[in-house]
Amino acid sequence: MSNRALTLMMGFVAVLILAVGGVFVVILATGGSGDDDGGGSDRPSEGSTPGKSSSSGGICNGDKLITFGSDPASVLDPIQVRDEGTSEYVVEIFGGLVTLDLDLKVVPDIAKEWKVSDGGKTYTFKLRDDVVFHNSNRRVTANDFKYSIERAADPANGSPTVTLYLSNIVGIKERFSNKATDVSGINVIDETTLEIRVNQPSEYFLAELTYPVAFVVDKDQVQKNPRNWTQKPNGTGPFRLVEFTPAERIRLARNDRYHLGAAKVSEVVFELGGGSILTRYENNELHIGGVPGIELEAVKGGNSPLSKEYRPQPRMSVSYLAFNVRKPPFDDLKVRQAMAMSVDKERINQVLFFDSQRVADGILPPDMPGYTESVSAYAFNPDKAKQTLGESKYAGKMPRIVLTYAGQGGDAPDVLTAITAGWKEILGLDVELQASEYSAFLRELRRGTFQMFSAGWAADYPDPEDFIDKLFHSESVQNEQGYSNPEVDKILLQARSESNQQKRFALYAQAEQMILDDAAVIPDFWPVEHLLVKPCVKNWPSVSMNVPRYRYIEIAATEN
């Protein structure tokens, strides 16, 4: 999930999201100032009257799109992307063999076609011959892809995502563990033909190739300037990076030579600075704005001029609380079950988020293929929770419990304060909230240090494997909660090679229900982004995850 989505979700909580792969880390700080972004206050911003007229002024008299964004959490290097905020820029600057369209279907990008042979274990990609890097006339070849994927697998480069998304390629694990000097499954047939061999057939392998870690980079630029090449990366995407001023703005300029058709807007400007996003939108400083939860009803109301510009956007993501099942007291299922049954998500959504979010009853969000209502998490049940905790081996001798979240200190986020208050009231548990600076949080998360933590997961591609397998298989590098169930592993292994989609989705649903029954995590919300879009912005894509989208947008001049 992007910074933007959670800022709007929290309403009055300032938010930063980081990620390893698709995992987002919610960095929260309670509001109190009207100067926060999208939802930085629990009261309307000074000088802002939600729902006042939004005459577009001069902002629509041009072909430059101005929106809001967040500072990238990593350098703009595809192999280092680990958060959705950074991904939003990288998918516009770079490209790969394949991409996702606005319907979230895998479609050709630099590869114009491909064939699958050897029982689904060999992919042969035929590349376009008209793709050049932004700042040169050098054509992209199969050798560039071999270099880029091998660069991702080189342990010296420390990619946090290569084994998560590309480990099915023969030789990736061996290269990443320094047992080989190249990736044996990548073969260049000729300048426009690339062969990739995989360890096992997979229905989602092409979708994995849409993740930034598989994007092509300019070998000449990287090797010439290995430390600073990302300041002006030489990509192949629909836009070029022309400015990045931290905490101020990112400017992307149209790539007029883009092989899938040049964008209609000349630039996309992401404003990164402070100030209320809603106020800036109403002042015609932004084409795209956001609505904090407390002001949502005023904006949506039938008498509000802004109501026609309101665009709710459900995100293909989930936020959750995770138990480290290797640490007491969470090695006891009954403790996890009791705490899961003591979270009143409906009430939290009503009071803190003004009913602006979707309460999560499972792991897979409703937008995800394979989602089914037949799967359900533990419902709020205080009486059953008390009884279950009393049956645990820790009844009457509960150890200290610490819930860690990524943050900068100060007051704990309201949503976590509300949840821990419920545990105290219902179960008599004192749960300590502890902030951890985000880089330290990510480091310790990977080490399995935390007893309990707040995090979430945003879709990298629209397949339930991206949630259920990557988060909960016992050998997944993303399984930071230490969850292990041999029966779940068995089902997930079966799903990996199942070619019948209906059967595969049924396997994921079966595994998801087992994971929820084990109370490995407490899913709380499926986030919704609440946007405003100026009437002059045409073809605004309604899409639930990060895909290249800005080239489709057009600014139509309006009279004011």
Foldseek 3Di string as FASTA:
>chain_A
DFQQQVLQQQQQWRWHWWFQAFWTFTATDGADAQWFEARNHPDHRPPDDAQADQDQPCLLVAQEAEAAAADQPDFLALLAGTYQRSVLVNQQQAFFQWFADLVQDIAGAQFNDWDADPQQFKIKTFGDQQFDWQPDRDTQWLVQLQVLLFVSLALVNPRSCSCVLPVQWAQSVCNNVVVDNGRVQWDHPDGGMIMTGGNAHFPCNSLSCNRSSSTGFDPVQCVVCVPPCSQFGGHRGQWTWDDDDHQAKTKTAGRCSRPVHHFQGGIYMHGRHIHYQSVCSSVNVHQKGFHRQSSVCVQCDPSRNQNVQKDKFFAFKFKWKFAQCVDPPNVWLLLLLLLLLLAQLVVCCCPRRVVQFAWDQFGGDPVFPLDDPVAGFHYRDLVVSQVSLCPTPCVPPGDAAEEEGEYDDDDDDPSVVVSQVSCCVRHVDRYHYHYDHVVVVVVVLLVLNHRMYIMMGGDSGRDLCSTQVQQADQPHSNVSSNHYDVVLNVLSVVLRRDPDVVVSSVSSSVSRNVCSSSSRINTTTRTMTIMGGHPQWPPQRRHNGRGPDSSRIGGHDDDD
